[in-house]
PDB file of all heavy atoms in Angstrom:
ATOM      1  N   VAL A   1      31.026  25.897  70.635  1.00  0.00           N
ATOM      2  CA  VAL A   1      32.267  25.911  71.408  1.00  0.00           C
ATOM      3  C   VAL A   1      33.217  24.944  70.715  1.00  0.00           C
ATOM      4  O   VAL A   1      32.933  23.746  70.620  1.00  0.00           O
ATOM      5  CB  VAL A   1      32.041  25.492  72.872  1.00  0.00           C
ATOM      6  CG1 VAL A   1      33.369  25.505  73.631  1.00  0.00           C
ATOM      7  CG2 VAL A   1      31.033  26.418  73.545  1.00  0.00           C
ATOM      8  N   LEU A   2      34.316  25.461  70.221  1.00  0.00           N
ATOM      9  CA  LEU A   2      35.255  24.682  69.425  1.00  0.00           C
ATOM     10  C   LEU A   2      36.607  24.640  70.125  1.00  0.00           C
ATOM     11  O   LEU A   2      37.178  25.683  70.424  1.00  0.00           O
ATOM     12  CB  LEU A   2      35.372  25.308  68.033  1.00  0.00           C
ATOM     13  CG  LEU A   2      36.120  24.557  66.931  1.00  0.00           C
ATOM     14  CD1 LEU A   2      35.652  25.074  65.560  1.00  0.00           C
ATOM     15  CD2 LEU A   2      37.619  24.705  67.032  1.00  0.00           C
ATOM     16  N   VAL A   3      37.086  23.444  70.401  1.00  0.00           N
ATOM     17  CA  VAL A   3      38.404  23.264  71.019  1.00  0.00           C
ATOM     18  C   VAL A   3      39.361  22.728  69.968  1.00  0.00           C
ATOM     19  O   VAL A   3      39.055  21.738  69.292  1.00  0.00           O
ATOM     20  CB  VAL A   3      38.327  22.283  72.210  1.00  0.00           C
ATOM     21  CG1 VAL A   3      39.723  21.998  72.759  1.00  0.00           C
ATOM     22  CG2 VAL A   3      37.432  22.840  73.308  1.00  0.00           C
ATOM     23  N   SER A   4      40.498  23.403  69.803  1.00  0.00           N
ATOM     24  CA  SER A   4      41.455  22.948  68.804  1.00  0.00           C
ATOM     25  C   SER A   4      42.844  23.480  69.129  1.00  0.00           C
ATOM     26  O   SER A   4      42.992  24.535  69.744  1.00  0.00           O
ATOM     27  CB  SER A   4      41.045  23.420  67.405  1.00  0.00           C
ATOM     28  OG  SER A   4      41.986  22.996  66.423  1.00  0.00           O
ATOM     29  N   HIS A   5      43.860  22.715  68.715  1.00  0.00           N
ATOM     30  CA  HIS A   5      45.245  23.183  68.794  1.00  0.00           C
ATOM     31  C   HIS A   5      45.718  23.707  67.438  1.00  0.00           C
ATOM     32  O   HIS A   5      46.860  24.124  67.303  1.00  0.00           O
ATOM     33  CB  HIS A   5      46.161  22.047  69.255  1.00  0.00           C
ATOM     34  CG  HIS A   5      45.953  21.669  70.690  1.00  0.00           C
ATOM     35  ND1 HIS A   5      45.017  20.748  71.084  1.00  0.00           N
ATOM     36  CD2 HIS A   5      46.560  22.111  71.819  1.00  0.00           C
ATOM     37  CE1 HIS A   5      45.057  20.628  72.406  1.00  0.00           C
ATOM     38  NE2 HIS A   5      45.982  21.438  72.868  1.00  0.00           N
ATOM     39  N   ARG A   6      44.844  23.673  66.446  1.00  0.00           N
ATOM     40  CA  ARG A   6      45.189  24.143  65.107  1.00  0.00           C
ATOM     41  C   ARG A   6      44.833  25.620  64.968  1.00  0.00           C
ATOM     42  O   ARG A   6      43.676  26.000  65.114  1.00  0.00           O
ATOM     43  CB  ARG A   6      44.426  23.357  64.041  1.00  0.00           C
ATOM     44  CG  ARG A   6      45.000  22.013  63.671  1.00  0.00           C
ATOM     45  CD  ARG A   6      44.258  21.469  62.449  1.00  0.00           C
ATOM     46  NE  ARG A   6      44.850  20.239  61.967  1.00  0.00           N
ATOM     47  CZ  ARG A   6      44.469  19.640  60.842  1.00  0.00           C
ATOM     48  NH1 ARG A   6      43.508  20.172  60.101  1.00  0.00           N
ATOM     49  NH2 ARG A   6      45.046  18.514  60.458  1.00  0.00           N
ATOM     50  N   ASP A   7      45.829  26.450  64.666  1.00  0.00           N
ATOM     51  CA  ASP A   7      45.547  27.860  64.451  1.00  0.00           C
ATOM     52  C   ASP A   7      44.608  28.052  63.271  1.00  0.00           C
ATOM     53  O   ASP A   7      43.722  28.930  63.300  1.00  0.00           O
ATOM     54  CB  ASP A   7      46.849  28.627  64.200  1.00  0.00           C
ATOM     55  CG  ASP A   7      47.701  28.761  65.458  1.00  0.00           C
ATOM     56  OD1 ASP A   7      47.137  28.719  66.564  1.00  0.00           O
ATOM     57  OD2 ASP A   7      48.921  28.911  65.328  1.00  0.00           O
ATOM     58  N   SER A   8      44.771  27.234  62.221  1.00  0.00           N
ATOM     59  CA  SER A   8      43.920  27.376  61.044  1.00  0.00           C
ATOM     60  C   SER A   8      42.463  27.125  61.391  1.00  0.00           C
ATOM     61  O   SER A   8      41.565  27.761  60.833  1.00  0.00           O
ATOM     62  CB  SER A   8      44.376  26.400  59.949  1.00  0.00           C
ATOM     63  OG  SER A   8      44.392  25.060  60.440  1.00  0.00           O
ATOM     64  N   THR A   9      42.197  26.226  62.315  1.00  0.00           N
ATOM     65  CA  THR A   9      40.820  25.939  62.727  1.00  0.00           C
ATOM     66  C   THR A   9      40.264  27.068  63.584  1.00  0.00           C
ATOM     67  O   THR A   9      39.122  27.506  63.401  1.00  0.00           O
ATOM     68  CB  THR A   9      40.762  24.619  63.509  1.00  0.00           C
ATOM     69  OG1 THR A   9      41.201  23.551  62.663  1.00  0.00           O
ATOM     70  CG2 THR A   9      39.359  24.325  63.991  1.00  0.00           C
ATOM     71  N   MET A  10      41.058  27.589  64.502  1.00  0.00           N
ATOM     72  CA  MET A  10      40.568  28.599  65.436  1.00  0.00           C
ATOM     73  C   MET A  10      40.308  29.948  64.771  1.00  0.00           C
ATOM     74  O   MET A  10      39.617  30.797  65.334  1.00  0.00           O
ATOM     75  CB  MET A  10      41.569  28.787  66.578  1.00  0.00           C
ATOM     76  CG  MET A  10      41.781  27.541  67.435  1.00  0.00           C
ATOM     77  SD  MET A  10      40.231  26.810  68.024  1.00  0.00           S
ATOM     78  CE  MET A  10      39.569  28.153  69.008  1.00  0.00           C
ATOM     79  N   ARG A  11      40.822  30.150  63.575  1.00  0.00           N
ATOM     80  CA  ARG A  11      40.633  31.453  62.917  1.00  0.00           C
ATOM     81  C   ARG A  11      39.177  31.715  62.530  1.00  0.00           C
ATOM     82  O   ARG A  11      38.831  32.850  62.180  1.00  0.00           O
ATOM     83  CB  ARG A  11      41.542  31.559  61.685  1.00  0.00           C
ATOM     84  CG  ARG A  11      42.996  31.835  62.053  1.00  0.00           C
ATOM     85  CD  ARG A  11      43.902  31.808  60.841  1.00  0.00           C
ATOM     86  NE  ARG A  11      43.611  32.893  59.922  1.00  0.00           N
ATOM     87  CZ  ARG A  11      44.081  34.130  60.033  1.00  0.00           C
ATOM     88  NH1 ARG A  11      44.855  34.445  61.067  1.00  0.00           N
ATOM     89  NH2 ARG A  11      43.798  35.048  59.139  1.00  0.00           N
ATOM     90  N   VAL A  12      38.307  30.702  62.587  1.00  0.00           N
ATOM     91  CA  VAL A  12      36.895  30.938  62.262  1.00  0.00           C
ATOM     92  C   VAL A  12      36.118  31.449  63.470  1.00  0.00           C
ATOM     93  O   VAL A  12      34.960  31.848  63.331  1.00  0.00           O
ATOM     94  CB  VAL A  12      36.218  29.654  61.723  1.00  0.00           C
ATOM     95  CG1 VAL A  12      36.965  29.111  60.527  1.00  0.00           C
ATOM     96  CG2 VAL A  12      36.088  28.593  62.807  1.00  0.00           C
ATOM     97  N   ALA A  13      36.727  31.444  64.650  1.00  0.00           N
ATOM     98  CA  ALA A  13      36.002  31.770  65.876  1.00  0.00           C
ATOM     99  C   ALA A  13      35.762  33.273  66.021  1.00  0.00           C
ATOM    100  O   ALA A  13      36.588  34.088  65.605  1.00  0.00           O
ATOM    101  CB  ALA A  13      36.776  31.257  67.096  1.00  0.00           C
ATOM    102  N   ASP A  14      34.633  33.634  66.616  1.00  0.00           N
ATOM    103  CA  ASP A  14      34.353  35.035  66.932  1.00  0.00           C
ATOM    104  C   ASP A  14      35.206  35.496  68.111  1.00  0.00           C
ATOM    105  O   ASP A  14      35.664  36.636  68.154  1.00  0.00           O
ATOM    106  CB  ASP A  14      32.876  35.224  67.280  1.00  0.00           C
ATOM    107  CG  ASP A  14      31.962  34.927  66.099  1.00  0.00           C
ATOM    108  OD1 ASP A  14      32.307  35.325  64.976  1.00  0.00           O
ATOM    109  OD2 ASP A  14      30.914  34.300  66.307  1.00  0.00           O
ATOM    110  N   THR A  15      35.383  34.617  69.085  1.00  0.00           N
ATOM    111  CA  THR A  15      36.208  34.896  70.255  1.00  0.00           C
ATOM    112  C   THR A  15      37.104  33.697  70.511  1.00  0.00           C
ATOM    113  O   THR A  15      36.656  32.556  70.438  1.00  0.00           O
ATOM    114  CB  THR A  15      35.339  35.145  71.507  1.00  0.00           C
ATOM    115  OG1 THR A  15      34.457  36.242  71.253  1.00  0.00           O
ATOM    116  CG2 THR A  15      36.210  35.467  72.721  1.00  0.00           C
ATOM    117  N   VAL A  16      38.378  33.961  70.779  1.00  0.00           N
ATOM    118  CA  VAL A  16      39.339  32.895  71.032  1.00  0.00           C
ATOM    119  C   VAL A  16      39.870  33.048  72.454  1.00  0.00           C
ATOM    120  O   VAL A  16      40.278  34.138  72.865  1.00  0.00           O
ATOM    121  CB  VAL A  16      40.511  32.931  70.032  1.00  0.00           C
ATOM    122  CG1 VAL A  16      41.527  31.842  70.353  1.00  0.00           C
ATOM    123  CG2 VAL A  16      40.003  32.766  68.606  1.00  0.00           C
ATOM    124  N   MET A  17      39.833  31.945  73.198  1.00  0.00           N
ATOM    125  CA  MET A  17      40.414  31.920  74.537  1.00  0.00           C
ATOM    126  C   MET A  17      41.534  30.898  74.555  1.00  0.00           C
ATOM    127  O   MET A  17      41.359  29.763  74.086  1.00  0.00           O
ATOM    128  CB  MET A  17      39.352  31.567  75.581  1.00  0.00           C
ATOM    129  CG  MET A  17      38.288  32.624  75.742  1.00  0.00           C
ATOM    130  SD  MET A  17      37.095  32.229  77.071  1.00  0.00           S
ATOM    131  CE  MET A  17      36.247  30.829  76.347  1.00  0.00           C
ATOM    132  N   PHE A  18      42.676  31.291  75.074  1.00  0.00           N
ATOM    133  CA  PHE A  18      43.829  30.413  75.191  1.00  0.00           C
ATOM    134  C   PHE A  18      43.921  29.939  76.634  1.00  0.00           C
ATOM    135  O   PHE A  18      44.129  30.728  77.547  1.00  0.00           O
ATOM    136  CB  PHE A  18      45.102  31.159  74.779  1.00  0.00           C
ATOM    137  CG  PHE A  18      46.343  30.311  74.821  1.00  0.00           C
ATOM    138  CD1 PHE A  18      46.349  29.028  74.302  1.00  0.00           C
ATOM    139  CD2 PHE A  18      47.518  30.810  75.377  1.00  0.00           C
ATOM    140  CE1 PHE A  18      47.490  28.253  74.331  1.00  0.00           C
ATOM    141  CE2 PHE A  18      48.662  30.040  75.411  1.00  0.00           C
ATOM    142  CZ  PHE A  18      48.652  28.756  74.889  1.00  0.00           C
ATOM    143  N   LEU A  19      43.688  28.627  76.835  1.00  0.00           N
ATOM    144  CA  LEU A  19      43.670  28.059  78.177  1.00  0.00           C
ATOM    145  C   LEU A  19      44.905  27.209  78.426  1.00  0.00           C
ATOM    146  O   LEU A  19      45.409  26.537  77.527  1.00  0.00           O
ATOM    147  CB  LEU A  19      42.431  27.182  78.385  1.00  0.00           C
ATOM    148  CG  LEU A  19      41.093  27.872  78.653  1.00  0.00           C
ATOM    149  CD1 LEU A  19      40.520  28.469  77.388  1.00  0.00           C
ATOM    150  CD2 LEU A  19      40.102  26.899  79.256  1.00  0.00           C
ATOM    151  N   GLU A  20      45.361  27.241  79.663  1.00  0.00           N
ATOM    152  CA  GLU A  20      46.452  26.369  80.086  1.00  0.00           C
ATOM    153  C   GLU A  20      46.198  25.952  81.530  1.00  0.00           C
ATOM    154  O   GLU A  20      46.010  26.797  82.407  1.00  0.00           O
ATOM    155  CB  GLU A  20      47.801  27.085  79.968  1.00  0.00           C
ATOM    156  CG  GLU A  20      48.988  26.166  80.231  1.00  0.00           C
ATOM    157  CD  GLU A  20      50.311  26.846  79.920  1.00  0.00           C
ATOM    158  OE1 GLU A  20      50.457  27.360  78.781  1.00  0.00           O
ATOM    159  OE2 GLU A  20      51.190  26.884  80.805  1.00  0.00           O
ATOM    160  N   ASN A  21      46.125  24.638  81.754  1.00  0.00           N
ATOM    161  CA  ASN A  21      45.841  24.099  83.092  1.00  0.00           C
ATOM    162  C   ASN A  21      44.553  24.674  83.679  1.00  0.00           C
ATOM    163  O   ASN A  21      44.467  24.980  84.866  1.00  0.00           O
ATOM    164  CB  ASN A  21      47.022  24.365  84.037  1.00  0.00           C
ATOM    165  CG  ASN A  21      48.287  23.669  83.588  1.00  0.00           C
ATOM    166  OD1 ASN A  21      48.247  22.546  83.081  1.00  0.00           O
ATOM    167  ND2 ASN A  21      49.418  24.340  83.747  1.00  0.00           N
ATOM    168  N   GLY A  22      43.544  24.836  82.795  1.00  0.00           N
ATOM    169  CA  GLY A  22      42.247  25.308  83.262  1.00  0.00           C
ATOM    170  C   GLY A  22      42.146  26.796  83.498  1.00  0.00           C
ATOM    171  O   GLY A  22      41.117  27.280  83.971  1.00  0.00           O
ATOM    172  N   VAL A  23      43.194  27.538  83.174  1.00  0.00           N
ATOM    173  CA  VAL A  23      43.213  28.986  83.396  1.00  0.00           C
ATOM    174  C   VAL A  23      43.216  29.698  82.043  1.00  0.00           C
ATOM    175  O   VAL A  23      43.981  29.336  81.141  1.00  0.00           O
ATOM    176  CB  VAL A  23      44.454  29.414  84.208  1.00  0.00           C
ATOM    177  CG1 VAL A  23      44.489  30.928  84.385  1.00  0.00           C
ATOM    178  CG2 VAL A  23      44.466  28.722  85.559  1.00  0.00           C
ATOM    179  N   ILE A  24      42.347  30.708  81.885  1.00  0.00           N
ATOM    180  CA  ILE A  24      42.313  31.495  80.649  1.00  0.00           C
ATOM    181  C   ILE A  24      43.476  32.483  80.675  1.00  0.00           C
ATOM    182  O   ILE A  24      43.501  33.407  81.493  1.00  0.00           O
ATOM    183  CB  ILE A  24      40.980  32.237  80.503  1.00  0.00           C
ATOM    184  CG1 ILE A  24      39.813  31.248  80.437  1.00  0.00           C
ATOM    185  CG2 ILE A  24      40.992  33.128  79.260  1.00  0.00           C
ATOM    186  CD1 ILE A  24      38.446  31.910  80.407  1.00  0.00           C
ATOM    187  N   LEU A  25      44.450  32.279  79.794  1.00  0.00           N
ATOM    188  CA  LEU A  25      45.609  33.160  79.735  1.00  0.00           C
ATOM    189  C   LEU A  25      45.382  34.344  78.806  1.00  0.00           C
ATOM    190  O   LEU A  25      45.910  35.431  79.049  1.00  0.00           O
ATOM    191  CB  LEU A  25      46.840  32.373  79.273  1.00  0.00           C
ATOM    192  CG  LEU A  25      47.274  31.201  80.159  1.00  0.00           C
ATOM    193  CD1 LEU A  25      48.550  30.569  79.608  1.00  0.00           C
ATOM    194  CD2 LEU A  25      47.496  31.663  81.598  1.00  0.00           C
ATOM    195  N   GLU A  26      44.644  34.119  77.730  1.00  0.00           N
ATOM    196  CA  GLU A  26      44.363  35.195  76.781  1.00  0.00           C
ATOM    197  C   GLU A  26      42.938  35.044  76.276  1.00  0.00           C
ATOM    198  O   GLU A  26      42.430  33.942  76.114  1.00  0.00           O
ATOM    199  CB  GLU A  26      45.326  35.148  75.591  1.00  0.00           C
ATOM    200  CG  GLU A  26      46.783  35.404  75.938  1.00  0.00           C
ATOM    201  CD  GLU A  26      47.667  35.366  74.705  1.00  0.00           C
ATOM    202  OE1 GLU A  26      47.317  36.049  73.710  1.00  0.00           O
ATOM    203  OE2 GLU A  26      48.691  34.671  74.720  1.00  0.00           O
ATOM    204  N   ARG A  27      42.302  36.176  76.026  1.00  0.00           N
ATOM    205  CA  ARG A  27      40.967  36.200  75.428  1.00  0.00           C
ATOM    206  C   ARG A  27      40.910  37.376  74.480  1.00  0.00           C
ATOM    207  O   ARG A  27      41.128  38.510  74.895  1.00  0.00           O
ATOM    208  CB  ARG A  27      39.893  36.310  76.505  1.00  0.00           C
ATOM    209  CG  ARG A  27      38.475  36.393  75.944  1.00  0.00           C
ATOM    210  CD  ARG A  27      37.449  36.361  77.049  1.00  0.00           C
ATOM    211  NE  ARG A  27      36.086  36.417  76.497  1.00  0.00           N
ATOM    212  CZ  ARG A  27      35.021  35.969  77.127  1.00  0.00           C
ATOM    213  NH1 ARG A  27      35.142  35.421  78.321  1.00  0.00           N
ATOM    214  NH2 ARG A  27      33.837  36.064  76.580  1.00  0.00           N
ATOM    215  N   GLN A  28      40.637  37.093  73.220  1.00  0.00           N
ATOM    216  CA  GLN A  28      40.657  38.135  72.197  1.00  0.00           C
ATOM    217  C   GLN A  28      39.560  37.866  71.175  1.00  0.00           C
ATOM    218  O   GLN A  28      39.167  36.719  70.964  1.00  0.00           O
ATOM    219  CB  GLN A  28      42.010  38.120  71.450  1.00  0.00           C
ATOM    220  CG  GLN A  28      43.227  38.501  72.261  1.00  0.00           C
ATOM    221  CD  GLN A  28      43.426  40.004  72.321  1.00  0.00           C
ATOM    222  OE1 GLN A  28      42.887  40.743  71.510  1.00  0.00           O
ATOM    223  NE2 GLN A  28      44.193  40.447  73.302  1.00  0.00           N
ATOM    224  N   PRO A  29      39.057  38.916  70.509  1.00  0.00           N
ATOM    225  CA  PRO A  29      38.206  38.677  69.343  1.00  0.00           C
ATOM    226  C   PRO A  29      38.979  37.840  68.327  1.00  0.00           C
ATOM    227  O   PRO A  29      40.203  37.988  68.189  1.00  0.00           O
ATOM    228  CB  PRO A  29      37.921  40.086  68.805  1.00  0.00           C
ATOM    229  CG  PRO A  29      38.116  40.981  69.997  1.00  0.00           C
ATOM    230  CD  PRO A  29      39.215  40.357  70.801  1.00  0.00           C
ATOM    231  N   GLY A  30      38.277  36.963  67.638  1.00  0.00           N
ATOM    232  CA  GLY A  30      38.959  36.043  66.741  1.00  0.00           C
ATOM    233  C   GLY A  30      39.838  36.716  65.708  1.00  0.00           C
ATOM    234  O   GLY A  30      40.951  36.256  65.425  1.00  0.00           O
ATOM    235  N   ASP A  31      39.372  37.850  65.151  1.00  0.00           N
ATOM    236  CA  ASP A  31      40.155  38.496  64.104  1.00  0.00           C
ATOM    237  C   ASP A  31      41.386  39.219  64.652  1.00  0.00           C
ATOM    238  O   ASP A  31      42.273  39.608  63.894  1.00  0.00           O
ATOM    239  CB  ASP A  31      39.297  39.474  63.303  1.00  0.00           C
ATOM    240  CG  ASP A  31      38.635  40.527  64.185  1.00  0.00           C
ATOM    241  OD1 ASP A  31      38.739  40.422  65.427  1.00  0.00           O
ATOM    242  OD2 ASP A  31      38.008  41.451  63.638  1.00  0.00           O
ATOM    243  N   GLU A  32      41.459  39.392  65.976  1.00  0.00           N
ATOM    244  CA  GLU A  32      42.618  40.052  66.582  1.00  0.00           C
ATOM    245  C   GLU A  32      43.598  39.055  67.204  1.00  0.00           C
ATOM    246  O   GLU A  32      44.783  39.350  67.338  1.00  0.00           O
ATOM    247  CB  GLU A  32      42.176  41.034  67.676  1.00  0.00           C
ATOM    248  CG  GLU A  32      41.361  42.212  67.159  1.00  0.00           C
ATOM    249  CD  GLU A  32      40.961  43.153  68.279  1.00  0.00           C
ATOM    250  OE1 GLU A  32      41.535  43.020  69.392  1.00  0.00           O
ATOM    251  OE2 GLU A  32      40.091  44.004  68.062  1.00  0.00           O
ATOM    252  N   PHE A  33      43.096  37.895  67.578  1.00  0.00           N
ATOM    253  CA  PHE A  33      43.904  36.961  68.348  1.00  0.00           C
ATOM    254  C   PHE A  33      45.169  36.555  67.607  1.00  0.00           C
ATOM    255  O   PHE A  33      46.227  36.370  68.199  1.00  0.00           O
ATOM    256  CB  PHE A  33      43.081  35.706  68.677  1.00  0.00           C
ATOM    257  CG  PHE A  33      43.696  34.827  69.718  1.00  0.00           C
ATOM    258  CD1 PHE A  33      43.593  35.150  71.057  1.00  0.00           C
ATOM    259  CD2 PHE A  33      44.397  33.686  69.370  1.00  0.00           C
ATOM    260  CE1 PHE A  33      44.155  34.345  72.042  1.00  0.00           C
ATOM    261  CE2 PHE A  33      44.958  32.880  70.333  1.00  0.00           C
ATOM    262  CZ  PHE A  33      44.836  33.206  71.675  1.00  0.00           C
ATOM    263  N   PHE A  34      45.056  36.410  66.279  1.00  0.00           N
ATOM    264  CA  PHE A  34      46.201  35.958  65.507  1.00  0.00           C
ATOM    265  C   PHE A  34      46.934  37.091  64.799  1.00  0.00           C
ATOM    266  O   PHE A  34      47.925  36.858  64.116  1.00  0.00           O
ATOM    267  CB  PHE A  34      45.744  34.924  64.473  1.00  0.00           C
ATOM    268  CG  PHE A  34      45.172  33.677  65.097  1.00  0.00           C
ATOM    269  CD1 PHE A  34      43.811  33.507  65.208  1.00  0.00           C
ATOM    270  CD2 PHE A  34      46.004  32.686  65.582  1.00  0.00           C
ATOM    271  CE1 PHE A  34      43.283  32.361  65.794  1.00  0.00           C
ATOM    272  CE2 PHE A  34      45.484  31.548  66.173  1.00  0.00           C
ATOM    273  CZ  PHE A  34      44.120  31.385  66.268  1.00  0.00           C
ATOM    274  N   THR A  35      46.448  38.314  64.946  1.00  0.00           N
ATOM    275  CA  THR A  35      47.086  39.430  64.257  1.00  0.00           C
ATOM    276  C   THR A  35      47.577  40.526  65.198  1.00  0.00           C
ATOM    277  O   THR A  35      48.378  41.367  64.801  1.00  0.00           O
ATOM    278  CB  THR A  35      46.104  40.064  63.249  1.00  0.00           C
ATOM    279  OG1 THR A  35      44.913  40.469  63.936  1.00  0.00           O
ATOM    280  CG2 THR A  35      45.740  39.060  62.163  1.00  0.00           C
TER     281      THR A  35
END
């Protein structure tokens, strides 16, 4: 489980979740989240 504000770091993840105030706003496969 990797927490980061760096997009370059998060690109290695299989699944990326974007959280704000404890709420999951977005959840995508890692290769889709940034593309």
